[in-house]
PDB file of N, CA and C in Angstrom:
ATOM      1  N   MET A   1      34.484   8.310   7.916  1.00  0.00           N
ATOM      2  CA  MET A   1      32.804   7.555   7.549  1.00  0.00           C
ATOM      3  C   MET A   1      32.866   8.472   6.099  1.00  0.00           C
ATOM      4  N   ASP A   2      32.147   8.239   5.687  1.00  0.00           N
ATOM      5  CA  ASP A   2      31.148   8.661   4.301  1.00  0.00           C
ATOM      6  C   ASP A   2      30.506   9.717   4.519  1.00  0.00           C
ATOM      7  N   LEU A   3      31.023  10.865   3.879  1.00  0.00           N
ATOM      8  CA  LEU A   3      29.749  11.912   4.213  1.00  0.00           C
ATOM      9  C   LEU A   3      28.239  11.688   3.644  1.00  0.00           C
ATOM     10  N   LEU A   4      28.299  10.818   2.427  1.00  0.00           N
ATOM     11  CA  LEU A   4      26.948  10.360   2.404  1.00  0.00           C
ATOM     12  C   LEU A   4      25.949   9.726   3.209  1.00  0.00           C
ATOM     13  N   LEU A   5      26.747   9.028   3.981  1.00  0.00           N
ATOM     14  CA  LEU A   5      26.179   8.301   5.347  1.00  0.00           C
ATOM     15  C   LEU A   5      26.014   9.549   6.320  1.00  0.00           C
ATOM     16  N   TRP A   6      26.484  10.395   6.436  1.00  0.00           N
ATOM     17  CA  TRP A   6      26.218  11.370   7.602  1.00  0.00           C
ATOM     18  C   TRP A   6      25.159  12.070   7.093  1.00  0.00           C
ATOM     19  N   ILE A   7      25.249  12.284   5.979  1.00  0.00           N
ATOM     20  CA  ILE A   7      23.834  12.978   5.610  1.00  0.00           C
ATOM     21  C   ILE A   7      22.695  12.476   5.717  1.00  0.00           C
ATOM     22  N   THR A   8      22.907  11.286   4.657  1.00  0.00           N
ATOM     23  CA  THR A   8      21.439  10.385   5.181  1.00  0.00           C
ATOM     24  C   THR A   8      21.240  10.173   6.484  1.00  0.00           C
ATOM     25  N   ILE A   9      22.225   9.715   7.610  1.00  0.00           N
ATOM     26  CA  ILE A   9      21.605   9.942   9.142  1.00  0.00           C
ATOM     27  C   ILE A   9      21.211  11.124   9.785  1.00  0.00           C
ATOM     28  N   GLY A  10      21.602  12.032   9.269  1.00  0.00           N
ATOM     29  CA  GLY A  10      21.380  13.389   9.857  1.00  0.00           C
ATOM     30  C   GLY A  10      19.836  13.501   9.197  1.00  0.00           C
ATOM     31  N   PHE A  11      19.529  13.372   7.812  1.00  0.00           N
ATOM     32  CA  PHE A  11      18.699  13.679   7.225  1.00  0.00           C
ATOM     33  C   PHE A  11      17.133  12.772   8.031  1.00  0.00           C
ATOM     34  N   LEU A  12      17.482  11.405   8.125  1.00  0.00           N
ATOM     35  CA  LEU A  12      16.293  10.593   8.812  1.00  0.00           C
ATOM     36  C   LEU A  12      16.175  10.897   9.939  1.00  0.00           C
ATOM     37  N   ILE A  13      17.286  11.447  11.146  1.00  0.00           N
ATOM     38  CA  ILE A  13      16.803  11.635  12.564  1.00  0.00           C
ATOM     39  C   ILE A  13      16.279  13.253  12.390  1.00  0.00           C
ATOM     40  N   ILE A  14      16.835  13.657  11.714  1.00  0.00           N
ATOM     41  CA  ILE A  14      15.796  15.312  12.068  1.00  0.00           C
ATOM     42  C   ILE A  14      14.488  15.531  11.453  1.00  0.00           C
ATOM     43  N   GLY A  15      14.459  14.760  10.571  1.00  0.00           N
ATOM     44  CA  GLY A  15      12.762  14.552   9.824  1.00  0.00           C
ATOM     45  C   GLY A  15      11.912  13.836  10.823  1.00  0.00           C
ATOM     46  N   PHE A  16      12.999  12.768  11.254  1.00  0.00           N
ATOM     47  CA  PHE A  16      12.062  11.842  12.577  1.00  0.00           C
ATOM     48  C   PHE A  16      11.477  12.733  13.427  1.00  0.00           C
ATOM     49  N   VAL A  17      12.143  13.155  13.913  1.00  0.00           N
ATOM     50  CA  VAL A  17      12.244  14.593  15.138  1.00  0.00           C
ATOM     51  C   VAL A  17      11.062  15.197  14.722  1.00  0.00           C
ATOM     52  N   VAL A  18      10.986  15.968  13.656  1.00  0.00           N
ATOM     53  CA  VAL A  18      10.344  17.255  13.181  1.00  0.00           C
ATOM     54  C   VAL A  18       9.110  16.737  13.200  1.00  0.00           C
ATOM     55  N   LEU A  19       8.800  15.337  12.317  1.00  0.00           N
ATOM     56  CA  LEU A  19       7.537  14.619  12.049  1.00  0.00           C
ATOM     57  C   LEU A  19       6.648  14.434  13.812  1.00  0.00           C
ATOM     58  N   THR A  20       7.445  13.666  14.443  1.00  0.00           N
ATOM     59  CA  THR A  20       7.031  13.301  15.530  1.00  0.00           C
ATOM     60  C   THR A  20       6.443  14.394  16.512  1.00  0.00           C
ATOM     61  N   SER A  21       7.579  15.754  16.537  1.00  0.00           N
ATOM     62  CA  SER A  21       7.514  16.934  17.471  1.00  0.00           C
ATOM     63  C   SER A  21       5.591  17.515  16.707  1.00  0.00           C
ATOM     64  N   MET A  22       5.444  17.321  15.527  1.00  0.00           N
ATOM     65  CA  MET A  22       4.492  18.257  15.035  1.00  0.00           C
ATOM     66  C   MET A  22       3.103  17.326  15.432  1.00  0.00           C
ATOM     67  N   LYS A  23       3.192  15.620  15.449  1.00  0.00           N
ATOM     68  CA  LYS A  23       2.280  14.991  15.919  1.00  0.00           C
ATOM     69  C   LYS A  23       1.085  15.420  16.465  1.00  0.00           C
ATOM     70  N   LYS A  24       1.664  15.813  17.967  1.00  0.00           N
ATOM     71  CA  LYS A  24       0.588  15.861  18.739  1.00  0.00           C
ATOM     72  C   LYS A  24      -0.382  17.205  18.129  1.00  0.00           C
ATOM     73  N   GLY A  25       0.094  18.299  17.504  1.00  0.00           N
ATOM     74  CA  GLY A  25      -0.442  19.476  16.949  1.00  0.00           C
ATOM     75  C   GLY A  25      -1.202  19.034  15.907  1.00  0.00           C
ATOM     76  N   MET A  26      -0.981  17.955  15.359  1.00  0.00           N
ATOM     77  CA  MET A  26      -1.754  17.567  14.132  1.00  0.00           C
ATOM     78  C   MET A  26      -2.793  16.770  14.653  1.00  0.00           C
ATOM     79  N   GLU A  27      -2.565  16.031  15.596  1.00  0.00           N
ATOM     80  CA  GLU A  27      -3.935  15.631  16.454  1.00  0.00           C
ATOM     81  C   GLU A  27      -4.855  16.465  16.932  1.00  0.00           C
ATOM     82  N   SER A  28      -4.387  17.289  17.830  1.00  0.00           N
ATOM     83  CA  SER A  28      -5.549  18.278  18.245  1.00  0.00           C
ATOM     84  C   SER A  28      -6.112  19.168  17.052  1.00  0.00           C
ATOM     85  N   ASN A  29      -5.517  19.423  15.788  1.00  0.00           N
ATOM     86  CA  ASN A  29      -6.002  20.083  14.492  1.00  0.00           C
ATOM     87  C   ASN A  29      -7.341  19.159  14.273  1.00  0.00           C
ATOM     88  N   LEU A  30      -6.649  17.818  14.005  1.00  0.00           N
ATOM     89  CA  LEU A  30      -7.921  17.007  13.865  1.00  0.00           C
ATOM     90  C   LEU A  30      -9.194  16.980  14.371  1.00  0.00           C
ATOM     91  N   ALA A  31      -9.005  16.796  15.517  1.00  0.00           N
ATOM     92  CA  ALA A  31      -9.996  16.809  17.024  1.00  0.00           C
ATOM     93  C   ALA A  31     -10.678  18.130  16.478  1.00  0.00           C
ATOM     94  N   PHE A  32     -10.161  19.487  16.644  1.00  0.00           N
ATOM     95  CA  PHE A  32     -11.141  20.601  16.387  1.00  0.00           C
ATOM     96  C   PHE A  32     -11.854  20.810  14.996  1.00  0.00           C
ATOM     97  N   ILE A  33     -11.108  19.985  13.972  1.00  0.00           N
ATOM     98  CA  ILE A  33     -11.820  19.997  12.459  1.00  0.00           C
ATOM     99  C   ILE A  33     -13.134  18.899  12.856  1.00  0.00           C
ATOM    100  N   THR A  34     -13.083  17.740  13.292  1.00  0.00           N
ATOM    101  CA  THR A  34     -14.307  17.070  13.501  1.00  0.00           C
ATOM    102  C   THR A  34     -15.071  17.474  14.393  1.00  0.00           C
ATOM    103  N   ALA A  35     -14.591  18.125  15.293  1.00  0.00           N
ATOM    104  CA  ALA A  35     -15.945  18.968  16.193  1.00  0.00           C
ATOM    105  C   ALA A  35     -16.368  20.277  15.431  1.00  0.00           C
ATOM    106  N   ASN A  36     -15.849  20.959  14.453  1.00  0.00           N
ATOM    107  CA  ASN A  36     -16.321  22.167  14.151  1.00  0.00           C
ATOM    108  C   ASN A  36     -16.300  22.032  12.530  1.00  0.00           C
ATOM    109  N   MET A  37     -17.061  21.234  12.102  1.00  0.00           N
ATOM    110  CA  MET A  37     -17.178  20.804  10.623  1.00  0.00           C
ATOM    111  C   MET A  37     -17.404  22.094   9.821  1.00  0.00           C
ATOM    112  N   GLU A  38     -18.368  22.950  10.298  1.00  0.00           N
ATOM    113  CA  GLU A  38     -18.493  24.071   8.988  1.00  0.00           C
ATOM    114  C   GLU A  38     -17.902  25.349   9.609  1.00  0.00           C
ATOM    115  N   ASP A  39     -16.797  25.358  10.367  1.00  0.00           N
ATOM    116  CA  ASP A  39     -16.377  26.482  10.748  1.00  0.00           C
ATOM    117  C   ASP A  39     -15.215  26.766   9.618  1.00  0.00           C
ATOM    118  N   GLU A  40     -15.093  28.322   9.271  1.00  0.00           N
ATOM    119  CA  GLU A  40     -13.943  28.314   8.242  1.00  0.00           C
ATOM    120  C   GLU A  40     -12.560  27.888   8.950  1.00  0.00           C
ATOM    121  N   GLU A  41     -12.206  28.184  10.129  1.00  0.00           N
ATOM    122  CA  GLU A  41     -10.821  27.539  10.604  1.00  0.00           C
ATOM    123  C   GLU A  41     -10.734  26.197  10.366  1.00  0.00           C
ATOM    124  N   SER A  42     -11.491  25.611  10.113  1.00  0.00           N
ATOM    125  CA  SER A  42     -11.430  24.058   9.946  1.00  0.00           C
ATOM    126  C   SER A  42     -10.981  24.090   8.644  1.00  0.00           C
ATOM    127  N   SER A  43     -11.517  24.693   7.534  1.00  0.00           N
ATOM    128  CA  SER A  43     -10.611  24.545   6.286  1.00  0.00           C
ATOM    129  C   SER A  43      -8.968  25.034   6.233  1.00  0.00           C
ATOM    130  N   THR A  44      -8.781  25.841   7.169  1.00  0.00           N
ATOM    131  CA  THR A  44      -7.398  26.384   7.133  1.00  0.00           C
ATOM    132  C   THR A  44      -6.682  24.987   7.739  1.00  0.00           C
ATOM    133  N   LYS A  45      -6.933  24.616   8.940  1.00  0.00           N
ATOM    134  CA  LYS A  45      -6.436  23.683   9.516  1.00  0.00           C
ATOM    135  C   LYS A  45      -6.281  22.401   8.689  1.00  0.00           C
ATOM    136  N   ALA A  46      -7.365  21.860   7.852  1.00  0.00           N
ATOM    137  CA  ALA A  46      -7.455  20.885   7.002  1.00  0.00           C
ATOM    138  C   ALA A  46      -6.166  21.094   6.051  1.00  0.00           C
ATOM    139  N   LYS A  47      -6.299  22.154   5.517  1.00  0.00           N
ATOM    140  CA  LYS A  47      -4.998  22.175   4.478  1.00  0.00           C
ATOM    141  C   LYS A  47      -3.658  22.313   5.174  1.00  0.00           C
ATOM    142  N   PHE A  48      -3.483  22.438   6.807  1.00  0.00           N
ATOM    143  CA  PHE A  48      -2.306  22.273   6.909  1.00  0.00           C
ATOM    144  C   PHE A  48      -1.947  20.812   7.445  1.00  0.00           C
ATOM    145  N   ILE A  49      -2.986  20.040   7.853  1.00  0.00           N
ATOM    146  CA  ILE A  49      -2.889  18.866   7.918  1.00  0.00           C
ATOM    147  C   ILE A  49      -2.687  17.895   6.465  1.00  0.00           C
ATOM    148  N   ILE A  50      -2.972  18.710   5.563  1.00  0.00           N
ATOM    149  CA  ILE A  50      -2.526  17.740   4.259  1.00  0.00           C
ATOM    150  C   ILE A  50      -1.122  18.309   3.810  1.00  0.00           C
ATOM    151  N   TRP A  51      -0.742  19.679   4.252  1.00  0.00           N
ATOM    152  CA  TRP A  51       0.544  19.581   3.795  1.00  0.00           C
ATOM    153  C   TRP A  51       1.528  18.719   4.631  1.00  0.00           C
ATOM    154  N   TRP A  52       0.897  18.469   5.986  1.00  0.00           N
ATOM    155  CA  TRP A  52       1.887  17.729   6.823  1.00  0.00           C
ATOM    156  C   TRP A  52       2.066  16.347   6.357  1.00  0.00           C
ATOM    157  N   ILE A  53       1.397  15.685   5.807  1.00  0.00           N
ATOM    158  CA  ILE A  53       1.082  14.346   5.084  1.00  0.00           C
ATOM    159  C   ILE A  53       1.878  14.432   3.924  1.00  0.00           C
ATOM    160  N   VAL A  54       1.646  15.643   2.958  1.00  0.00           N
ATOM    161  CA  VAL A  54       2.433  15.502   2.059  1.00  0.00           C
ATOM    162  C   VAL A  54       3.904  15.354   2.216  1.00  0.00           C
ATOM    163  N   SER A  55       4.439  16.476   3.388  1.00  0.00           N
ATOM    164  CA  SER A  55       5.728  16.604   3.615  1.00  0.00           C
ATOM    165  C   SER A  55       6.545  15.289   4.245  1.00  0.00           C
ATOM    166  N   ALA A  56       5.498  14.721   5.166  1.00  0.00           N
ATOM    167  CA  ALA A  56       5.857  13.479   5.582  1.00  0.00           C
ATOM    168  C   ALA A  56       6.267  12.365   4.752  1.00  0.00           C
ATOM    169  N   THR A  57       5.236  12.177   3.349  1.00  0.00           N
ATOM    170  CA  THR A  57       5.400  11.570   2.541  1.00  0.00           C
ATOM    171  C   THR A  57       6.593  11.705   1.833  1.00  0.00           C
ATOM    172  N   ALA A  58       6.809  13.362   1.437  1.00  0.00           N
ATOM    173  CA  ALA A  58       8.208  13.457   0.673  1.00  0.00           C
ATOM    174  C   ALA A  58       9.561  13.103   1.595  1.00  0.00           C
ATOM    175  N   TRP A  59       9.488  13.306   2.738  1.00  0.00           N
ATOM    176  CA  TRP A  59      10.617  13.122   3.675  1.00  0.00           C
ATOM    177  C   TRP A  59      10.869  11.593   3.568  1.00  0.00           C
ATOM    178  N   GLY A  60       9.734  10.723   3.571  1.00  0.00           N
ATOM    179  CA  GLY A  60       9.753   9.423   3.482  1.00  0.00           C
ATOM    180  C   GLY A  60      10.299   8.700   2.522  1.00  0.00           C
ATOM    181  N   ILE A  61      10.164   9.598   1.102  1.00  0.00           N
ATOM    182  CA  ILE A  61      10.736   8.889  -0.411  1.00  0.00           C
ATOM    183  C   ILE A  61      11.939   9.435  -0.424  1.00  0.00           C
ATOM    184  N   VAL A  62      12.602  10.734  -0.057  1.00  0.00           N
ATOM    185  CA  VAL A  62      13.712  11.174   0.039  1.00  0.00           C
ATOM    186  C   VAL A  62      14.511  10.346   0.802  1.00  0.00           C
ATOM    187  N   SER A  63      14.206   9.815   1.921  1.00  0.00           N
ATOM    188  CA  SER A  63      15.032   8.821   3.028  1.00  0.00           C
ATOM    189  C   SER A  63      15.384   7.777   2.194  1.00  0.00           C
ATOM    190  N   MET A  64      14.095   7.463   1.420  1.00  0.00           N
ATOM    191  CA  MET A  64      14.488   5.728   0.858  1.00  0.00           C
ATOM    192  C   MET A  64      15.256   6.138  -0.272  1.00  0.00           C
ATOM    193  N   ILE A  65      15.535   7.188  -1.101  1.00  0.00           N
ATOM    194  CA  ILE A  65      16.599   7.511  -2.025  1.00  0.00           C
ATOM    195  C   ILE A  65      17.832   7.741  -1.745  1.00  0.00           C
ATOM    196  N   LEU A  66      18.087   8.195  -0.391  1.00  0.00           N
ATOM    197  CA  LEU A  66      19.187   8.472   0.130  1.00  0.00           C
ATOM    198  C   LEU A  66      20.046   7.207   0.742  1.00  0.00           C
ATOM    199  N   VAL A  67      19.019   6.445   1.136  1.00  0.00           N
ATOM    200  CA  VAL A  67      19.257   5.089   1.707  1.00  0.00           C
ATOM    201  C   VAL A  67      20.154   4.211   0.341  1.00  0.00           C
ATOM    202  N   VAL A  68      19.026   3.892  -0.254  1.00  0.00           N
ATOM    203  CA  VAL A  68      19.450   3.351  -1.459  1.00  0.00           C
ATOM    204  C   VAL A  68      20.630   3.686  -2.268  1.00  0.00           C
ATOM    205  N   TRP A  69      20.525   5.304  -2.167  1.00  0.00           N
ATOM    206  CA  TRP A  69      21.774   6.048  -3.222  1.00  0.00           C
ATOM    207  C   TRP A  69      23.428   5.454  -2.350  1.00  0.00           C
ATOM    208  N   TRP A  70      23.147   5.702  -1.051  1.00  0.00           N
ATOM    209  CA  TRP A  70      24.235   5.075  -0.023  1.00  0.00           C
ATOM    210  C   TRP A  70      24.831   3.938  -0.253  1.00  0.00           C
ATOM    211  N   PHE A  71      23.884   2.828  -0.259  1.00  0.00           N
ATOM    212  CA  PHE A  71      23.973   1.357  -0.396  1.00  0.00           C
ATOM    213  C   PHE A  71      24.516   1.212  -1.539  1.00  0.00           C
ATOM    214  N   HIS A  72      24.069   1.709  -2.572  1.00  0.00           N
ATOM    215  CA  HIS A  72      24.714   1.713  -3.915  1.00  0.00           C
ATOM    216  C   HIS A  72      26.080   2.512  -4.031  1.00  0.00           C
ATOM    217  N   ASN A  73      26.580   3.227  -3.601  1.00  0.00           N
ATOM    218  CA  ASN A  73      27.698   4.091  -3.696  1.00  0.00           C
ATOM    219  C   ASN A  73      28.749   3.084  -2.853  1.00  0.00           C
ATOM    220  N   HIS A  74      28.180   2.782  -1.478  1.00  0.00           N
ATOM    221  CA  HIS A  74      29.292   1.658  -0.614  1.00  0.00           C
ATOM    222  C   HIS A  74      29.484   0.286  -0.877  1.00  0.00           C
ATOM    223  N   PHE A  75      28.465  -0.297  -1.705  1.00  0.00           N
ATOM    224  CA  PHE A  75      28.572  -1.810  -1.988  1.00  0.00           C
ATOM    225  C   PHE A  75      28.673  -1.857  -3.376  1.00  0.00           C
ATOM    226  N   GLY A  76      28.251  -1.045  -4.246  1.00  0.00           N
ATOM    227  CA  GLY A  76      28.223  -1.044  -5.784  1.00  0.00           C
ATOM    228  C   GLY A  76      29.292  -0.949  -6.589  1.00  0.00           C
TER     229      GLY A  76
END
């Protein structure tokens, strides 16, 4: 099979596993932030959640690019 296909599948699976494993921690961070709005630690946890959202978005965009690139190379 094609190397690009394996890279795409591996990137999708590994990224999905990492994001879902971090989801529970993000939920607990969000609960801490909503309970302690004025605590300085809330600011740090909020930045961590924002970076998690940014990284999840970047993973999704790169995943879409890899899938489109594989289809273009395979069927184009």
